[in-house]
N, C-alpha and C. Protein backbone atom coordinates (compact mmCIF):
# COMPACT_ATOMS: atom_id res chain seq x y z
N SER A 1 138.20 10.38 151.51
CA SER A 1 138.12 9.92 153.11
C SER A 1 138.34 8.26 153.09
N ALA A 2 138.04 7.82 152.15
CA ALA A 2 138.52 6.37 152.19
C ALA A 2 139.70 6.21 151.52
N VAL A 3 139.52 6.99 150.38
CA VAL A 3 140.88 6.75 149.90
C VAL A 3 142.30 7.19 150.81
N ILE A 4 142.31 8.47 151.49
CA ILE A 4 143.35 8.72 152.23
C ILE A 4 143.43 7.85 153.53
N SER A 5 142.49 7.15 154.21
CA SER A 5 142.08 6.58 155.17
C SER A 5 142.95 4.76 154.86
N LYS A 6 142.95 4.37 153.57
CA LYS A 6 143.39 2.91 153.06
C LYS A 6 144.74 3.72 153.10
N TYR A 7 145.38 4.77 152.50
CA TYR A 7 146.65 4.73 152.52
C TYR A 7 147.41 5.14 153.42
N LEU A 8 146.65 5.64 154.76
CA LEU A 8 147.24 5.65 156.51
C LEU A 8 147.15 4.01 156.25
N LYS A 9 147.06 3.33 156.42
CA LYS A 9 145.89 2.25 156.71
C LYS A 9 147.47 1.47 156.62
N HIS A 10 147.81 1.68 154.83
CA HIS A 10 149.42 0.85 154.81
C HIS A 10 150.59 0.88 155.20
N LEU A 11 150.48 2.45 155.26
CA LEU A 11 151.40 3.08 155.48
C LEU A 11 151.55 2.93 157.29
N THR A 12 150.82 2.80 157.64
CA THR A 12 150.86 2.29 159.58
C THR A 12 150.67 1.21 160.18
N ASN A 13 150.93 0.23 158.55
CA ASN A 13 150.81 -1.12 159.71
C ASN A 13 152.85 -1.79 159.58
N PHE A 14 152.59 -2.28 160.60
CA PHE A 14 153.90 -2.36 160.38
C PHE A 14 154.28 -4.25 161.45
N GLN A 15 152.98 -5.08 161.28
CA GLN A 15 153.02 -6.50 161.44
C GLN A 15 155.13 -6.47 161.18
N ASN A 16 154.93 -7.72 162.06
CA ASN A 16 156.12 -8.04 161.76
C ASN A 16 155.90 -10.19 161.58
N ASP A 17 155.44 -10.30 160.46
CA ASP A 17 155.09 -11.92 160.30
C ASP A 17 156.63 -11.71 159.02
N SER A 18 157.18 -11.98 159.44
CA SER A 18 158.23 -11.68 158.13
C SER A 18 158.24 -12.38 156.50
N GLU A 19 157.50 -13.52 156.34
CA GLU A 19 157.07 -13.81 154.85
C GLU A 19 156.02 -12.48 154.10
N LYS A 20 155.46 -11.69 154.73
CA LYS A 20 154.53 -10.80 154.81
C LYS A 20 155.39 -9.74 154.46
N ASP A 21 156.43 -9.31 155.40
CA ASP A 21 157.51 -8.07 155.62
C ASP A 21 157.76 -7.38 154.42
N LYS A 22 157.97 -8.16 153.02
CA LYS A 22 158.17 -7.40 151.86
C LYS A 22 157.37 -6.75 150.89
N THR A 23 155.83 -7.50 151.21
CA THR A 23 154.14 -7.13 150.31
C THR A 23 154.07 -5.80 151.41
N ILE A 24 154.19 -5.78 153.04
CA ILE A 24 153.71 -4.73 153.22
C ILE A 24 154.88 -3.63 153.13
N ALA A 25 156.09 -3.86 152.80
CA ALA A 25 157.17 -2.76 152.82
C ALA A 25 156.64 -1.82 151.76
N VAL A 26 156.06 -3.00 150.41
CA VAL A 26 155.94 -2.14 149.66
C VAL A 26 154.97 -1.30 149.32
N ALA A 27 153.78 -1.83 150.44
CA ALA A 27 152.46 -1.39 150.31
C ALA A 27 152.98 0.16 150.98
N ARG A 28 153.76 -0.20 152.05
CA ARG A 28 154.14 1.17 152.41
C ARG A 28 154.87 1.93 151.99
N ASP A 29 155.35 1.91 150.73
CA ASP A 29 156.18 2.74 149.62
C ASP A 29 155.34 3.22 148.93
N LYS A 30 154.37 2.32 148.30
CA LYS A 30 152.86 3.25 147.30
C LYS A 30 152.57 4.20 148.33
N ALA A 31 152.07 3.53 149.16
CA ALA A 31 151.31 4.86 149.86
C ALA A 31 151.77 5.75 149.95
N SER A 32 153.29 5.43 151.32
CA SER A 32 153.61 7.25 151.11
C SER A 32 153.92 8.24 149.84
N ILE A 33 154.59 7.45 148.42
CA ILE A 33 154.34 8.38 147.45
C ILE A 33 153.09 8.40 147.08
N SER A 34 152.18 7.84 147.52
CA SER A 34 150.71 8.20 146.58
C SER A 34 150.33 9.24 147.63
N ILE A 35 150.77 9.84 148.90
CA ILE A 35 149.88 10.89 149.55
C ILE A 35 150.69 11.90 149.40
N ILE A 36 151.84 11.91 148.82
CA ILE A 36 153.26 12.87 147.88
C ILE A 36 151.88 13.52 147.06
N ARG A 37 151.84 12.40 146.27
CA ARG A 37 151.46 12.99 144.90
C ARG A 37 149.74 13.97 145.09
N LEU A 38 148.85 12.63 146.13
CA LEU A 38 147.77 13.79 146.23
C LEU A 38 148.06 15.19 146.74
N CYS A 39 148.92 14.91 147.81
CA CYS A 39 149.23 16.84 148.61
C CYS A 39 149.65 17.50 147.62
N THR A 40 150.75 17.19 146.84
CA THR A 40 151.09 17.88 145.07
C THR A 40 149.76 18.20 144.35
N ALA A 41 149.39 16.98 143.72
CA ALA A 41 148.77 17.51 143.03
C ALA A 41 147.01 18.12 143.65
N ILE A 42 145.80 17.85 144.39
CA ILE A 42 145.44 18.55 145.07
C ILE A 42 145.74 18.54 146.45
N PRO A 43 146.36 19.93 146.78
CA PRO A 43 146.41 20.23 148.19
C PRO A 43 145.33 20.42 149.14
N ASN A 44 143.85 21.45 148.54
CA ASN A 44 142.88 21.90 148.58
C ASN A 44 142.12 20.67 148.81
N SER A 45 141.95 19.78 148.35
CA SER A 45 140.75 18.58 148.42
C SER A 45 141.46 18.06 149.43
N ILE A 46 143.16 17.80 150.15
CA ILE A 46 142.98 16.87 151.48
C ILE A 46 143.78 17.75 152.48
N PHE A 47 143.74 18.79 152.34
CA PHE A 47 143.97 19.58 153.63
C PHE A 47 143.03 19.75 154.64
N PRO A 48 141.49 18.77 154.56
CA PRO A 48 140.81 18.82 155.37
C PRO A 48 141.74 17.04 156.37
N PHE A 49 142.17 16.23 155.33
CA PHE A 49 142.63 15.90 156.60
C PHE A 49 143.73 15.52 156.84
N PHE A 50 144.49 16.79 157.14
CA PHE A 50 145.76 17.60 157.60
C PHE A 50 145.95 17.02 158.98
N GLY A 51 144.97 17.20 160.26
CA GLY A 51 144.98 16.37 161.16
C GLY A 51 145.27 15.02 161.04
N GLU A 52 144.60 14.25 160.51
CA GLU A 52 144.79 12.56 160.31
C GLU A 52 146.75 12.49 160.14
N LEU A 53 146.34 13.13 159.03
CA LEU A 53 148.18 12.89 158.65
C LEU A 53 148.71 13.22 159.60
N LEU A 54 149.21 14.17 160.31
CA LEU A 54 149.48 14.61 161.65
C LEU A 54 149.91 13.74 162.48
N LYS A 55 147.93 12.85 162.70
CA LYS A 55 148.38 11.73 163.78
C LYS A 55 148.86 10.45 163.08
N SER A 56 148.68 10.12 162.24
CA SER A 56 149.72 9.25 161.71
C SER A 56 151.25 9.45 161.75
N LEU A 57 151.72 10.83 161.62
CA LEU A 57 153.10 10.58 161.75
C LEU A 57 153.63 10.14 162.83
N ASP A 58 152.61 10.37 164.30
CA ASP A 58 153.12 10.32 165.22
C ASP A 58 153.35 8.78 165.25
N GLU A 59 152.08 7.80 164.97
CA GLU A 59 152.39 6.47 164.99
C GLU A 59 152.87 5.38 164.09
N ILE A 60 153.77 6.24 163.45
CA ILE A 60 154.84 5.57 162.68
C ILE A 60 156.33 5.72 163.62
N PRO A 61 156.61 4.05 163.69
CA PRO A 61 157.86 4.28 164.56
C PRO A 61 159.14 5.11 163.98
N PRO A 62 159.79 5.18 164.59
CA PRO A 62 161.30 5.90 164.47
C PRO A 62 162.22 5.18 163.42
N HIS A 63 162.16 3.86 163.73
CA HIS A 63 163.22 3.33 162.50
C HIS A 63 162.72 3.06 161.15
N LEU A 64 161.38 3.30 160.89
CA LEU A 64 160.89 3.73 159.88
C LEU A 64 160.94 4.96 158.79
N PHE A 65 161.84 5.27 159.06
CA PHE A 65 162.37 7.01 158.76
C PHE A 65 162.12 7.66 157.08
N LYS A 66 161.84 6.08 156.51
CA LYS A 66 161.68 6.56 155.09
C LYS A 66 159.58 6.93 154.75
N GLU A 67 159.33 5.96 155.81
CA GLU A 67 157.94 6.33 155.74
C GLU A 67 157.61 7.45 156.38
N LYS A 68 158.31 7.66 157.28
CA LYS A 68 158.15 9.39 158.14
C LYS A 68 158.29 10.55 157.38
N GLU A 69 159.79 10.35 156.78
CA GLU A 69 159.72 11.59 155.87
C GLU A 69 158.97 11.69 155.06
N CYS A 70 158.30 10.50 154.14
CA CYS A 70 157.36 10.97 153.54
C CYS A 70 156.23 11.38 153.56
N LEU A 71 155.68 11.74 154.76
CA LEU A 71 154.59 11.81 155.67
C LEU A 71 154.84 13.15 155.85
N VAL A 72 156.20 13.51 156.30
CA VAL A 72 156.20 15.05 155.99
C VAL A 72 156.32 15.65 155.37
N GLN A 73 156.70 15.17 154.29
CA GLN A 73 156.72 15.75 153.25
C GLN A 73 155.84 16.32 152.94
N ALA A 74 154.82 15.51 152.71
CA ALA A 74 153.36 15.78 152.61
C ALA A 74 152.66 16.58 153.36
N LEU A 75 152.88 16.52 154.64
CA LEU A 75 152.70 17.96 155.51
C LEU A 75 153.03 19.22 154.89
N VAL A 76 154.17 19.07 154.94
CA VAL A 76 154.75 20.30 154.70
C VAL A 76 154.11 21.28 153.31
N THR A 77 153.83 20.35 152.42
CA THR A 77 153.27 20.27 151.20
C THR A 77 152.42 21.07 151.64
N LEU A 78 151.08 20.77 151.93
CA LEU A 78 150.09 21.13 152.59
C LEU A 78 150.26 22.25 152.98
N SER A 79 150.93 22.27 154.23
CA SER A 79 151.45 23.50 155.18
C SER A 79 151.62 24.74 154.04
N ASN A 80 152.09 24.55 152.77
CA ASN A 80 152.69 25.64 151.69
C ASN A 80 151.03 25.99 151.25
N ALA A 81 150.41 25.06 150.82
CA ALA A 81 148.97 25.48 150.46
C ALA A 81 147.84 26.16 151.69
N LEU A 82 148.31 26.71 152.83
CA LEU A 82 147.66 27.37 153.40
C LEU A 82 148.20 28.82 153.27
N LYS A 83 149.23 29.87 152.80
CA LYS A 83 149.74 30.71 152.14
C LYS A 83 149.92 31.75 153.18
N ASN A 84 150.15 31.35 154.31
CA ASN A 84 149.80 31.87 155.39
C ASN A 84 151.30 31.66 156.71
N TYR A 85 152.22 32.30 156.49
CA TYR A 85 153.47 32.69 156.98
C TYR A 85 153.19 31.74 158.58
N ASP A 86 152.82 33.32 158.98
CA ASP A 86 152.73 32.68 160.11
C ASP A 86 152.38 31.08 161.12
N LYS A 87 151.44 30.91 160.20
CA LYS A 87 150.53 29.50 160.31
C LYS A 87 151.72 28.16 160.05
N GLN A 88 152.44 28.64 158.71
CA GLN A 88 153.08 27.37 158.46
C GLN A 88 154.74 27.85 159.24
N ARG A 89 155.04 28.71 159.78
CA ARG A 89 156.24 29.06 160.91
C ARG A 89 156.46 27.93 161.66
N GLU A 90 155.25 28.56 162.55
CA GLU A 90 154.69 27.43 163.48
C GLU A 90 154.88 26.17 163.60
N PHE A 91 154.04 25.54 162.36
CA PHE A 91 153.54 23.79 161.93
C PHE A 91 154.97 23.28 162.02
N LEU A 92 155.96 24.30 160.90
CA LEU A 92 157.58 23.33 160.58
C LEU A 92 158.51 23.28 161.85
N SER A 93 158.07 24.86 162.76
CA SER A 93 158.89 25.06 163.95
C SER A 93 158.19 23.57 164.97
N ASN A 94 156.33 23.52 164.91
CA ASN A 94 157.03 21.90 165.43
C ASN A 94 157.54 20.69 165.18
N ILE A 95 157.44 21.10 164.15
CA ILE A 95 157.52 19.15 163.13
C ILE A 95 158.79 18.83 162.93
N LEU A 96 159.86 20.09 162.77
CA LEU A 96 160.87 20.44 163.10
C LEU A 96 161.99 20.34 164.34
N SER A 97 161.18 20.16 165.79
CA SER A 97 161.56 20.47 166.87
C SER A 97 162.56 19.05 167.34
N PRO A 98 162.03 18.68 167.19
CA PRO A 98 162.75 16.96 167.37
C PRO A 98 164.20 16.87 166.70
N ILE A 99 164.30 17.04 165.37
CA ILE A 99 164.98 16.79 164.67
C ILE A 99 166.43 18.37 165.36
N VAL A 100 165.90 19.30 165.33
CA VAL A 100 166.54 20.16 166.29
C VAL A 100 167.30 19.92 166.91
N THR A 101 166.55 19.45 167.96
CA THR A 101 166.93 18.86 169.20
C THR A 101 168.17 17.50 168.67
N GLN A 102 167.65 16.76 168.07
CA GLN A 102 168.44 15.90 167.74
C GLN A 102 170.10 16.33 167.48
N TRP A 103 170.06 17.63 166.09
CA TRP A 103 170.74 18.17 165.86
C TRP A 103 172.10 18.82 167.21
N GLN A 104 171.23 19.39 167.41
CA GLN A 104 171.92 20.60 169.02
C GLN A 104 171.94 19.45 170.29
N HIS A 105 172.21 18.19 169.87
CA HIS A 105 172.77 17.46 170.80
C HIS A 105 174.20 17.69 170.98
N SER A 106 174.81 17.36 172.78
CA SER A 106 176.37 18.02 172.72
C SER A 106 177.42 16.65 172.04
N GLY A 107 176.49 15.41 172.19
CA GLY A 107 177.39 14.39 171.38
C GLY A 107 177.81 14.60 169.62
N LEU A 108 176.90 15.00 168.83
CA LEU A 108 176.75 15.36 167.78
C LEU A 108 177.31 16.78 167.74
N THR A 109 177.60 17.53 168.19
CA THR A 109 177.73 18.96 168.50
C THR A 109 179.56 18.67 167.98
N THR A 110 179.82 17.36 169.27
CA THR A 110 180.89 17.25 169.92
C THR A 110 181.70 16.77 167.91
N VAL A 111 181.07 15.94 167.37
CA VAL A 111 181.29 15.13 166.00
C VAL A 111 181.60 16.05 164.70
N LEU A 112 180.93 16.99 164.61
CA LEU A 112 180.38 18.01 163.75
C LEU A 112 181.79 19.28 163.94
N SER A 113 181.98 19.61 164.94
CA SER A 113 182.64 20.53 165.79
C SER A 113 184.09 20.75 164.49
N ASP A 114 184.77 19.52 164.48
CA ASP A 114 186.26 19.78 163.48
C ASP A 114 185.99 18.45 162.47
N ILE A 115 186.87 18.50 161.50
CA ILE A 115 186.88 17.56 160.56
C ILE A 115 187.81 16.20 161.25
N GLN A 116 188.53 16.42 162.10
CA GLN A 116 189.36 15.44 163.00
C GLN A 116 188.17 14.88 163.63
N ASN A 117 187.60 15.49 164.35
CA ASN A 117 186.29 14.47 165.37
C ASN A 117 185.46 13.65 164.38
N PHE A 118 185.23 13.79 163.22
CA PHE A 118 184.24 13.60 162.74
C PHE A 118 184.64 12.46 161.91
N GLY A 119 185.69 12.70 160.99
CA GLY A 119 186.33 12.01 160.89
C GLY A 119 186.37 10.49 161.89
N ASN A 120 186.93 10.58 162.66
CA ASN A 120 187.69 9.35 163.67
C ASN A 120 185.47 8.97 164.35
N PHE A 121 184.62 9.74 164.27
CA PHE A 121 183.38 9.04 165.01
C PHE A 121 183.17 8.44 163.02
N PHE A 122 183.37 8.39 162.07
CA PHE A 122 183.10 7.51 161.07
C PHE A 122 184.42 6.25 160.84
N GLY A 123 185.47 6.26 162.10
CA GLY A 123 186.04 5.31 161.94
C GLY A 123 187.29 5.60 160.69
N ILE A 124 187.37 6.75 159.83
CA ILE A 124 188.64 6.99 158.96
C ILE A 124 189.55 8.23 159.34
N GLY A 125 189.60 8.32 160.80
CA GLY A 125 190.73 9.47 161.74
C GLY A 125 191.95 8.58 161.64
N ARG A 126 192.66 9.30 161.76
CA ARG A 126 194.22 9.31 161.55
C ARG A 126 194.54 8.59 162.92
N ASN A 127 195.05 6.92 162.81
CA ASN A 127 195.37 6.46 163.93
C ASN A 127 196.68 6.47 163.96
N THR A 128 197.49 6.71 165.58
CA THR A 128 198.72 7.31 165.93
C THR A 128 199.20 6.11 166.71
N MET A 129 200.34 5.70 166.41
CA MET A 129 201.19 4.04 166.30
C MET A 129 201.99 4.46 167.53
C-alpha cells in the first residue's frame, strides 16, 4: 500500500516550479513504468488498489498524456487479471468512452474521410494556384 501510494504521489505531482520540472517529470516517468511493471508482475497483489489507481487516472491532467496512457495500460493489465469477460468489457468501455467520443467527433471524421482532407489537415495537401 505504501509503495503504490508513493508511486501515485509521484505520478500525480503537477508542480509548475521550473527548477523542479525536469526532476518531477523524471519521477513521474519512473512511477509510470514501475506501476506497469508491478501490475504485470504481480497483478493479484496490486488488484486491491484498482480503485485507487482508477481515481488517480481522473486526477492526471489531459496534457500529461504519457502518464495517463501508462496508468491506463496498468489498469488494463489489472482488468485482464479478472478473467471475467463481462467485467473486462464494461471496464474497457468506460475507460475508452472519452477516446471513442473524440474519434467520432465530426471534425475528426471529416479529416479522416479521405486522403485529401487528411493531407490538408496536416498542411500537406495540394494547393491550387
